Amino acid sequence: MFRPKVPTMPQPTGLTIPPAVVEPTAVTPHAPAPASTTATPARNRPAVQLTPGTVLAMVGGGTAVVLVVGAVLVSMLLAVALTAASVAVCALTVRSCIARR
């Protein structure tokens, strides 16, 4: 059940025909076409073209990222402040309990 089964290569059946012999042909070189010497100058265009719509989308996206990151940072700061306040209240409670004894 757990033994691997190795596939066997089937043997060819029937008659095989030897491949046809390909004889080389003569190659006659010809003169290459002259290269054009006048190259068209490349235009000086920026790689990214900014249209008013794309600028508006980029500003909107940047604003959204700033708002999301700001909300996350403010919530983390609030969590740290609440934790510190609760630890301070617990410390004061334990201190007053120990002082009464």
Protein backbone atom coordinates (compact mmCIF):
# COMPACT_ATOMS: atom_id res chain seq x y z
CA MET A 1 0.00 0.00 0.00
CA PHE A 2 2.78 2.45 0.90
CA ARG A 3 5.26 1.25 -1.71
CA PRO A 4 5.90 3.70 -4.51
CA LYS A 5 4.94 2.64 -7.97
CA VAL A 6 7.65 3.45 -10.46
CA PRO A 7 6.27 3.99 -13.93
CA THR A 8 7.76 1.81 -16.62
CA MET A 9 8.82 3.22 -19.94
CA PRO A 10 6.82 1.52 -22.68
CA GLN A 11 8.88 0.00 -25.46
CA PRO A 12 8.15 1.16 -29.00
CA THR A 13 6.08 -1.23 -31.04
CA GLY A 14 6.04 -1.55 -34.77
CA LEU A 15 8.61 -0.51 -37.33
CA THR A 16 10.55 2.66 -36.87
CA ILE A 17 11.66 4.69 -39.85
CA PRO A 18 15.07 6.33 -39.63
CA PRO A 19 14.93 10.13 -39.85
CA ALA A 20 15.50 11.74 -43.21
CA VAL A 21 18.96 13.14 -43.81
CA VAL A 22 18.95 16.90 -44.08
CA GLU A 23 21.53 18.22 -46.46
CA PRO A 24 22.98 21.68 -45.88
CA THR A 25 22.14 24.34 -48.41
CA ALA A 26 24.37 27.10 -49.61
CA VAL A 27 23.85 30.49 -48.00
CA THR A 28 24.47 33.49 -50.18
CA PRO A 29 25.10 36.64 -48.16
CA HIS A 30 23.63 39.88 -49.44
CA ALA A 31 24.47 43.46 -48.58
CA PRO A 32 22.58 44.75 -45.53
CA ALA A 33 20.32 47.73 -45.91
CA PRO A 34 22.00 50.99 -44.91
CA ALA A 35 21.02 52.17 -41.46
CA SER A 36 19.27 55.49 -41.29
CA THR A 37 21.54 58.11 -39.76
CA THR A 38 18.81 60.54 -38.80
CA ALA A 39 17.39 59.57 -35.44
CA THR A 40 14.30 61.25 -34.13
CA PRO A 41 15.03 63.18 -30.94
CA ALA A 42 13.31 61.96 -27.81
CA ARG A 43 10.76 64.29 -26.30
CA ASN A 44 11.37 65.62 -22.84
CA ARG A 45 8.21 64.41 -21.15
CA PRO A 46 7.82 63.38 -17.54
CA ALA A 47 7.36 59.66 -17.00
CA VAL A 48 4.13 60.27 -15.08
CA GLN A 49 1.61 62.73 -16.40
CA LEU A 50 -0.49 64.33 -13.70
CA THR A 51 -3.97 65.37 -14.64
CA PRO A 52 -6.29 67.27 -12.31
CA GLY A 53 -8.18 64.05 -11.61
CA THR A 54 -5.08 62.13 -10.59
CA VAL A 55 -3.86 65.00 -8.43
CA LEU A 56 -7.23 65.07 -6.68
CA ALA A 57 -7.13 61.30 -6.19
CA MET A 58 -3.60 61.47 -4.76
CA VAL A 59 -4.54 64.26 -2.36
CA GLY A 60 -7.63 62.34 -1.26
CA GLY A 61 -5.66 59.15 -0.78
CA GLY A 62 -2.96 60.93 1.19
CA THR A 63 -5.56 62.57 3.41
CA ALA A 64 -7.21 59.21 4.05
CA VAL A 65 -3.87 57.62 4.98
CA VAL A 66 -3.04 60.47 7.37
CA LEU A 67 -6.46 60.22 9.02
CA VAL A 68 -6.27 56.44 9.45
CA VAL A 69 -2.72 56.53 10.83
CA GLY A 70 -3.66 59.40 13.14
CA ALA A 71 -6.71 57.54 14.44
CA VAL A 72 -4.62 54.43 15.13
CA LEU A 73 -1.95 56.43 16.97
CA VAL A 74 -4.50 58.35 19.04
CA SER A 75 -6.28 55.13 20.01
CA MET A 76 -2.97 53.57 21.06
CA LEU A 77 -2.14 56.64 23.14
CA LEU A 78 -5.58 56.50 24.75
CA ALA A 79 -5.10 52.81 25.57
CA VAL A 80 -1.75 53.53 27.20
CA ALA A 81 -3.24 56.43 29.21
CA LEU A 82 -6.16 54.31 30.43
CA THR A 83 -3.82 51.48 31.41
CA ALA A 84 -1.56 53.88 33.32
CA ALA A 85 -4.53 55.40 35.14
CA SER A 86 -5.89 51.99 36.14
CA VAL A 87 -2.47 50.86 37.37
CA ALA A 88 -2.17 54.08 39.40
CA VAL A 89 -5.60 53.50 40.98
CA CYS A 90 -4.66 49.90 41.82
CA ALA A 91 -1.36 51.05 43.36
CA LEU A 92 -3.11 53.64 45.52
CA THR A 93 -5.68 51.07 46.65
CA VAL A 94 -3.01 48.53 47.59
CA ARG A 95 -0.99 51.23 49.34
CA SER A 96 -3.95 52.35 51.45
CA CYS A 97 -4.80 48.74 52.33
CA ILE A 98 -1.23 48.09 53.49
CA ALA A 99 -1.12 51.37 55.48
CA ARG A 100 -4.27 50.47 57.48
CA ARG A 101 -2.70 47.28 58.89
